[in-house]
Amino acid sequence: MAVICNTCGLPDDLCACGDLDKDSTHIIIRLETRRFRKKGTMIEGLDPKINNLGNVARELKHKYACGGTAKDGYVFLQGDHRDTIKDTLVKLGFAEETIELH
């Protein structure tokens, strides 16, 4: 028997709930200054129930060759990556119109 999604009622292999939820999230990217004037890029608005924050953080850290963390609905990357992070998030499957730079 095929496993059926509780949200849309389709079988798991045809379920598109995760893709639809990625399109409806509102992501905010901002620069944060931490101790000793160290800059970091904060990506907020990611729902940990829908997106695997660990995988998103791992992909971003690998792409930008930097450290970072994923906690409580946000991803923090060391360094200022605001100029290219939007394009990278679009490549990861997030909608461009839902990403906002501060």
N, C-alpha and C. Protein backbone atom coordinates (compact mmCIF):
# COMPACT_ATOMS: atom_id res chain seq x y z
N MET A 1 0.83 -1.18 0.00
CA MET A 1 0.00 0.00 0.00
C MET A 1 0.87 1.24 0.00
N ALA A 2 0.51 2.19 -0.78
CA ALA A 2 1.25 3.45 -0.86
C ALA A 2 0.89 4.33 0.34
N VAL A 3 1.87 5.05 0.83
CA VAL A 3 1.65 5.98 1.93
C VAL A 3 1.04 7.25 1.36
N ILE A 4 -0.02 7.74 2.00
CA ILE A 4 -0.75 8.91 1.51
C ILE A 4 -0.45 10.11 2.39
N CYS A 5 -0.22 11.26 1.76
CA CYS A 5 0.07 12.51 2.48
C CYS A 5 -1.20 12.99 3.19
N ASN A 6 -1.04 13.42 4.43
CA ASN A 6 -2.19 13.91 5.20
C ASN A 6 -2.66 15.29 4.74
N THR A 7 -1.79 16.07 4.13
CA THR A 7 -2.14 17.42 3.72
C THR A 7 -2.91 17.47 2.41
N CYS A 8 -2.32 16.85 1.37
CA CYS A 8 -2.95 16.96 0.05
C CYS A 8 -3.73 15.72 -0.37
N GLY A 9 -3.50 14.58 0.28
CA GLY A 9 -4.23 13.37 -0.04
C GLY A 9 -3.66 12.58 -1.20
N LEU A 10 -2.52 12.98 -1.71
CA LEU A 10 -1.87 12.26 -2.80
C LEU A 10 -0.86 11.27 -2.24
N PRO A 11 -0.48 10.25 -3.03
CA PRO A 11 0.58 9.36 -2.57
C PRO A 11 1.88 10.13 -2.36
N ASP A 12 2.73 9.62 -1.48
CA ASP A 12 3.97 10.32 -1.13
C ASP A 12 4.87 10.61 -2.33
N ASP A 13 4.92 9.71 -3.31
CA ASP A 13 5.79 9.94 -4.46
C ASP A 13 5.26 11.05 -5.38
N LEU A 14 3.99 11.40 -5.29
CA LEU A 14 3.40 12.48 -6.09
C LEU A 14 3.15 13.75 -5.28
N CYS A 15 3.38 13.69 -3.98
CA CYS A 15 3.08 14.82 -3.09
C CYS A 15 3.94 16.03 -3.43
N ALA A 16 3.31 17.21 -3.49
CA ALA A 16 4.01 18.45 -3.80
C ALA A 16 3.88 19.46 -2.67
N CYS A 17 3.51 19.02 -1.49
CA CYS A 17 3.31 19.93 -0.37
C CYS A 17 4.58 20.67 0.01
N GLY A 18 5.72 19.99 0.00
CA GLY A 18 6.98 20.62 0.35
C GLY A 18 7.35 21.72 -0.61
N ASP A 19 7.14 21.50 -1.91
CA ASP A 19 7.45 22.53 -2.91
C ASP A 19 6.51 23.71 -2.78
N LEU A 20 5.23 23.46 -2.50
CA LEU A 20 4.28 24.55 -2.34
C LEU A 20 4.58 25.38 -1.10
N ASP A 21 5.01 24.72 -0.02
CA ASP A 21 5.34 25.43 1.20
C ASP A 21 6.60 26.27 1.04
N LYS A 22 7.55 25.81 0.22
CA LYS A 22 8.76 26.60 -0.04
C LYS A 22 8.39 27.90 -0.75
N ASP A 23 7.38 27.85 -1.62
CA ASP A 23 6.96 29.04 -2.35
C ASP A 23 6.24 30.04 -1.45
N SER A 24 5.63 29.58 -0.37
CA SER A 24 4.83 30.47 0.46
C SER A 24 5.61 31.05 1.64
N THR A 25 6.85 30.64 1.87
CA THR A 25 7.63 31.18 2.99
C THR A 25 8.14 32.56 2.65
N HIS A 26 8.29 33.40 3.67
CA HIS A 26 8.82 34.75 3.51
C HIS A 26 10.19 34.78 4.18
N ILE A 27 11.24 34.88 3.37
CA ILE A 27 12.61 34.80 3.86
C ILE A 27 13.21 36.20 3.93
N ILE A 28 13.83 36.51 5.06
CA ILE A 28 14.48 37.81 5.26
C ILE A 28 15.97 37.57 5.45
N ILE A 29 16.78 38.26 4.66
CA ILE A 29 18.24 38.16 4.74
C ILE A 29 18.76 39.51 5.24
N ARG A 30 19.56 39.46 6.31
CA ARG A 30 20.09 40.72 6.84
C ARG A 30 21.49 40.48 7.37
N LEU A 31 22.23 41.57 7.50
CA LEU A 31 23.58 41.54 8.03
C LEU A 31 23.52 41.80 9.52
N GLU A 32 24.26 41.01 10.28
CA GLU A 32 24.29 41.18 11.73
C GLU A 32 25.74 41.32 12.16
N THR A 33 26.00 42.26 13.05
CA THR A 33 27.34 42.45 13.59
C THR A 33 27.40 41.82 14.96
N ARG A 34 28.33 40.93 15.14
CA ARG A 34 28.49 40.23 16.41
C ARG A 34 29.67 40.81 17.18
N ARG A 35 30.09 40.11 18.18
CA ARG A 35 31.21 40.58 19.00
C ARG A 35 32.46 40.80 18.17
N PHE A 36 33.25 41.74 18.60
CA PHE A 36 34.52 42.08 17.95
C PHE A 36 34.33 42.49 16.49
N ARG A 37 33.20 43.10 16.19
CA ARG A 37 32.86 43.64 14.87
C ARG A 37 32.90 42.58 13.77
N LYS A 38 32.57 41.35 14.13
CA LYS A 38 32.50 40.27 13.14
C LYS A 38 31.13 40.31 12.48
N LYS A 39 31.11 40.24 11.17
CA LYS A 39 29.86 40.32 10.43
C LYS A 39 29.37 38.92 10.09
N GLY A 40 28.05 38.79 10.04
CA GLY A 40 27.44 37.52 9.69
C GLY A 40 26.14 37.75 8.93
N THR A 41 25.77 36.79 8.12
CA THR A 41 24.55 36.86 7.33
C THR A 41 23.49 36.01 8.03
N MET A 42 22.38 36.65 8.37
CA MET A 42 21.27 35.98 9.05
C MET A 42 20.15 35.74 8.03
N ILE A 43 19.71 34.49 7.90
CA ILE A 43 18.62 34.12 7.00
C ILE A 43 17.47 33.64 7.88
N GLU A 44 16.41 34.45 7.97
CA GLU A 44 15.28 34.15 8.83
C GLU A 44 14.04 33.83 8.00
N GLY A 45 13.09 33.16 8.61
CA GLY A 45 11.82 32.87 7.96
C GLY A 45 11.71 31.46 7.42
N LEU A 46 12.74 30.65 7.61
CA LEU A 46 12.68 29.27 7.17
C LEU A 46 11.95 28.44 8.21
N ASP A 47 10.95 27.71 7.80
CA ASP A 47 10.17 26.89 8.73
C ASP A 47 10.88 25.56 8.95
N PRO A 48 11.29 25.26 10.18
CA PRO A 48 12.02 24.00 10.41
C PRO A 48 11.15 22.76 10.21
N LYS A 49 9.83 22.89 10.22
CA LYS A 49 8.96 21.75 9.99
C LYS A 49 8.91 21.37 8.51
N ILE A 50 9.08 22.36 7.65
CA ILE A 50 9.00 22.14 6.21
C ILE A 50 10.38 21.89 5.62
N ASN A 51 11.33 22.76 5.95
CA ASN A 51 12.68 22.69 5.40
C ASN A 51 13.62 22.05 6.41
N ASN A 52 14.52 21.24 5.93
CA ASN A 52 15.54 20.69 6.80
C ASN A 52 16.65 21.73 6.91
N LEU A 53 16.65 22.49 8.01
CA LEU A 53 17.59 23.59 8.16
C LEU A 53 19.04 23.11 8.15
N GLY A 54 19.28 21.93 8.64
CA GLY A 54 20.64 21.39 8.63
C GLY A 54 21.16 21.22 7.21
N ASN A 55 20.31 20.70 6.32
CA ASN A 55 20.73 20.53 4.93
C ASN A 55 20.91 21.87 4.22
N VAL A 56 20.02 22.81 4.48
CA VAL A 56 20.14 24.14 3.87
C VAL A 56 21.43 24.81 4.35
N ALA A 57 21.70 24.74 5.65
CA ALA A 57 22.92 25.34 6.20
C ALA A 57 24.16 24.66 5.63
N ARG A 58 24.12 23.35 5.51
CA ARG A 58 25.27 22.62 4.98
C ARG A 58 25.56 23.03 3.54
N GLU A 59 24.51 23.14 2.72
CA GLU A 59 24.70 23.55 1.33
C GLU A 59 25.27 24.97 1.24
N LEU A 60 24.74 25.88 2.05
CA LEU A 60 25.22 27.27 2.02
C LEU A 60 26.65 27.37 2.53
N LYS A 61 26.98 26.65 3.59
CA LYS A 61 28.34 26.69 4.12
C LYS A 61 29.33 26.11 3.12
N HIS A 62 28.92 25.07 2.42
CA HIS A 62 29.78 24.48 1.40
C HIS A 62 29.98 25.43 0.23
N LYS A 63 28.91 26.09 -0.20
CA LYS A 63 28.98 27.02 -1.33
C LYS A 63 29.88 28.21 -1.03
N TYR A 64 29.75 28.78 0.18
CA TYR A 64 30.49 29.99 0.53
C TYR A 64 31.77 29.72 1.31
N ALA A 65 32.09 28.47 1.59
CA ALA A 65 33.31 28.09 2.31
C ALA A 65 33.45 28.90 3.59
N CYS A 66 32.41 28.84 4.42
CA CYS A 66 32.41 29.59 5.67
C CYS A 66 31.78 28.73 6.76
N GLY A 67 31.86 29.20 7.98
CA GLY A 67 31.20 28.54 9.09
C GLY A 67 29.78 29.05 9.24
N GLY A 68 29.02 28.39 10.07
CA GLY A 68 27.66 28.83 10.29
C GLY A 68 26.90 27.84 11.15
N THR A 69 25.63 28.16 11.39
CA THR A 69 24.79 27.32 12.22
C THR A 69 23.34 27.42 11.77
N ALA A 70 22.54 26.45 12.18
CA ALA A 70 21.11 26.44 11.90
C ALA A 70 20.38 26.18 13.21
N LYS A 71 19.58 27.14 13.66
CA LYS A 71 18.85 27.01 14.92
C LYS A 71 17.49 27.67 14.80
N ASP A 72 16.49 27.14 15.45
CA ASP A 72 15.20 27.78 15.71
C ASP A 72 14.65 28.63 14.56
N GLY A 73 14.68 28.14 13.36
CA GLY A 73 14.07 28.86 12.25
C GLY A 73 14.97 29.86 11.56
N TYR A 74 16.26 29.87 11.84
CA TYR A 74 17.16 30.76 11.12
C TYR A 74 18.47 30.03 10.83
N VAL A 75 19.16 30.55 9.81
CA VAL A 75 20.49 30.06 9.44
C VAL A 75 21.42 31.25 9.55
N PHE A 76 22.53 31.07 10.24
CA PHE A 76 23.53 32.13 10.39
C PHE A 76 24.81 31.68 9.70
N LEU A 77 25.31 32.52 8.79
CA LEU A 77 26.57 32.25 8.10
C LEU A 77 27.59 33.30 8.50
N GLN A 78 28.82 32.90 8.70
CA GLN A 78 29.88 33.84 9.03
C GLN A 78 30.28 34.59 7.77
N GLY A 79 30.35 35.91 7.87
CA GLY A 79 30.74 36.75 6.74
C GLY A 79 29.53 37.40 6.09
N ASP A 80 29.81 38.37 5.24
CA ASP A 80 28.77 39.12 4.53
C ASP A 80 28.56 38.49 3.16
N HIS A 81 27.43 37.82 2.98
CA HIS A 81 27.12 37.13 1.72
C HIS A 81 25.83 37.66 1.10
N ARG A 82 25.44 38.87 1.45
CA ARG A 82 24.15 39.39 1.00
C ARG A 82 24.07 39.58 -0.50
N ASP A 83 25.20 39.82 -1.16
CA ASP A 83 25.15 40.12 -2.59
C ASP A 83 24.83 38.89 -3.45
N THR A 84 25.15 37.69 -3.00
CA THR A 84 24.92 36.50 -3.83
C THR A 84 24.00 35.46 -3.19
N ILE A 85 23.59 35.67 -1.95
CA ILE A 85 22.81 34.64 -1.24
C ILE A 85 21.43 34.43 -1.86
N LYS A 86 20.86 35.48 -2.44
CA LYS A 86 19.53 35.37 -3.02
C LYS A 86 19.54 34.40 -4.21
N ASP A 87 20.54 34.50 -5.06
CA ASP A 87 20.65 33.60 -6.20
C ASP A 87 20.85 32.15 -5.76
N THR A 88 21.62 31.97 -4.69
CA THR A 88 21.86 30.62 -4.18
C THR A 88 20.59 30.01 -3.61
N LEU A 89 19.80 30.80 -2.89
CA LEU A 89 18.55 30.29 -2.33
C LEU A 89 17.55 29.95 -3.42
N VAL A 90 17.55 30.71 -4.51
CA VAL A 90 16.67 30.40 -5.64
C VAL A 90 17.08 29.07 -6.26
N LYS A 91 18.38 28.82 -6.36
CA LYS A 91 18.85 27.54 -6.90
C LYS A 91 18.49 26.37 -5.98
N LEU A 92 18.36 26.64 -4.66
CA LEU A 92 17.96 25.60 -3.72
C LEU A 92 16.46 25.33 -3.74
N GLY A 93 15.68 26.14 -4.49
CA GLY A 93 14.26 25.86 -4.65
C GLY A 93 13.31 26.85 -4.02
N PHE A 94 13.82 27.92 -3.44
CA PHE A 94 12.95 28.94 -2.84
C PHE A 94 12.56 29.96 -3.90
N ALA A 95 11.34 30.51 -3.79
CA ALA A 95 10.85 31.48 -4.77
C ALA A 95 11.55 32.82 -4.60
N GLU A 96 11.93 33.42 -5.72
CA GLU A 96 12.70 34.67 -5.69
C GLU A 96 11.88 35.83 -5.12
N GLU A 97 10.59 35.86 -5.38
CA GLU A 97 9.76 36.97 -4.92
C GLU A 97 9.50 36.93 -3.41
N THR A 98 9.78 35.81 -2.76
CA THR A 98 9.57 35.72 -1.32
C THR A 98 10.83 36.03 -0.51
N ILE A 99 11.94 36.31 -1.19
CA ILE A 99 13.21 36.59 -0.51
C ILE A 99 13.40 38.10 -0.46
N GLU A 100 13.64 38.60 0.74
CA GLU A 100 13.77 40.04 0.96
C GLU A 100 15.14 40.34 1.60
N LEU A 101 15.86 41.30 1.00
CA LEU A 101 17.17 41.71 1.53
C LEU A 101 17.02 42.96 2.38
N HIS A 102 17.68 42.96 3.52
CA HIS A 102 17.68 44.14 4.40
C HIS A 102 19.09 44.66 4.53
